Amino acid sequence: MRSATVEVPATSANLGPGLDSLGVALDWRARFTLPLSDEPTPAPSGPLERMAAAGAGALHTLAGAELPAGVRVDVA
């Protein structure tokens, strides 16, 4: 099975005054693992999962690669 794992930093930006400077000290991250499948899978149901699946689809399109039949998104 093909998969990709992406880790992105969290941010506290736009939450209110002073939190931009506090955000520098945060060590929060989200890790997305996207197993790709040749078999169709149900579309992800959560908003983060849908966003990650859409990003994976856009990356495949930009790279000129064939879209996988299914993608599952695991968030940690």
Protein backbone atom coordinates (compact mmCIF):
# COMPACT_ATOMS: atom_id res chain seq x y z
CA MET A 1 0.00 0.00 0.00
CA ARG A 2 1.27 3.44 -0.87
CA SER A 3 1.05 6.16 1.76
CA ALA A 4 2.39 9.56 2.69
CA THR A 5 2.78 11.18 6.08
CA VAL A 6 2.74 14.95 6.49
CA GLU A 7 3.38 16.86 9.70
CA VAL A 8 2.25 20.46 10.00
CA PRO A 9 2.76 22.93 12.85
CA ALA A 10 -0.24 24.29 14.70
CA THR A 11 -0.77 28.01 15.06
CA SER A 12 -2.47 30.28 17.53
CA ALA A 13 -2.58 33.15 15.03
CA ASN A 14 -5.80 35.14 14.76
CA LEU A 15 -7.08 33.97 18.14
CA GLY A 16 -6.64 37.35 19.80
CA PRO A 17 -4.13 39.93 21.00
CA GLY A 18 -0.84 38.60 22.28
CA LEU A 19 -1.36 35.06 21.05
CA ASP A 20 0.93 35.57 18.06
CA SER A 21 3.91 35.85 20.39
CA LEU A 22 2.66 32.95 22.51
CA GLY A 23 2.26 30.86 19.36
CA VAL A 24 6.01 30.97 18.79
CA ALA A 25 6.44 28.95 21.98
CA LEU A 26 3.87 26.28 21.10
CA ASP A 27 5.11 22.88 20.07
CA TRP A 28 1.83 21.52 18.70
CA ARG A 29 1.77 19.58 15.48
CA ALA A 30 -0.74 17.60 13.50
CA ARG A 31 0.37 14.47 11.68
CA PHE A 32 -1.66 13.26 8.71
CA THR A 33 -1.06 9.81 7.24
CA LEU A 34 -2.75 9.20 3.90
CA PRO A 35 -2.80 5.57 2.75
CA LEU A 36 -3.66 5.47 -0.96
CA SER A 37 -5.59 2.57 -2.42
CA ASP A 38 -6.44 1.21 -5.85
CA GLU A 39 -9.86 0.30 -4.42
CA PRO A 40 -12.52 3.00 -3.92
CA THR A 41 -13.01 4.07 -0.32
CA PRO A 42 -15.69 6.27 1.29
CA ALA A 43 -14.91 9.98 1.31
CA PRO A 44 -13.46 11.24 4.61
CA SER A 45 -16.14 12.65 6.90
CA GLY A 46 -14.30 15.12 9.13
CA PRO A 47 -13.28 18.62 8.01
CA LEU A 48 -9.53 18.06 8.58
CA GLU A 49 -9.67 14.73 6.83
CA ARG A 50 -11.55 16.20 3.84
CA MET A 51 -9.02 19.05 3.60
CA ALA A 52 -6.09 16.62 3.66
CA ALA A 53 -7.71 14.39 1.00
CA ALA A 54 -8.37 17.42 -1.20
CA GLY A 55 -4.73 18.48 -0.82
CA ALA A 56 -3.56 15.01 -1.82
CA GLY A 57 -5.80 15.14 -4.89
CA ALA A 58 -4.50 18.59 -5.85
CA LEU A 59 -0.90 17.41 -5.49
CA HIS A 60 -1.56 14.44 -7.77
CA THR A 61 -3.21 16.73 -10.33
CA LEU A 62 -0.34 19.27 -10.25
CA ALA A 63 2.18 16.46 -10.64
CA GLY A 64 0.29 15.06 -13.61
CA ALA A 65 -0.19 11.78 -11.76
CA GLU A 66 -3.29 9.63 -11.87
CA LEU A 67 -5.58 10.14 -8.91
CA PRO A 68 -5.83 7.13 -6.58
CA ALA A 69 -9.20 5.38 -6.43
CA GLY A 70 -9.28 5.72 -2.67
CA VAL A 71 -7.58 7.66 0.08
CA ARG A 72 -7.98 7.29 3.81
CA VAL A 73 -6.81 10.02 6.20
CA ASP A 74 -5.53 9.25 9.69
CA VAL A 75 -4.94 12.29 11.93
CA ALA A 76 -2.68 12.07 14.99
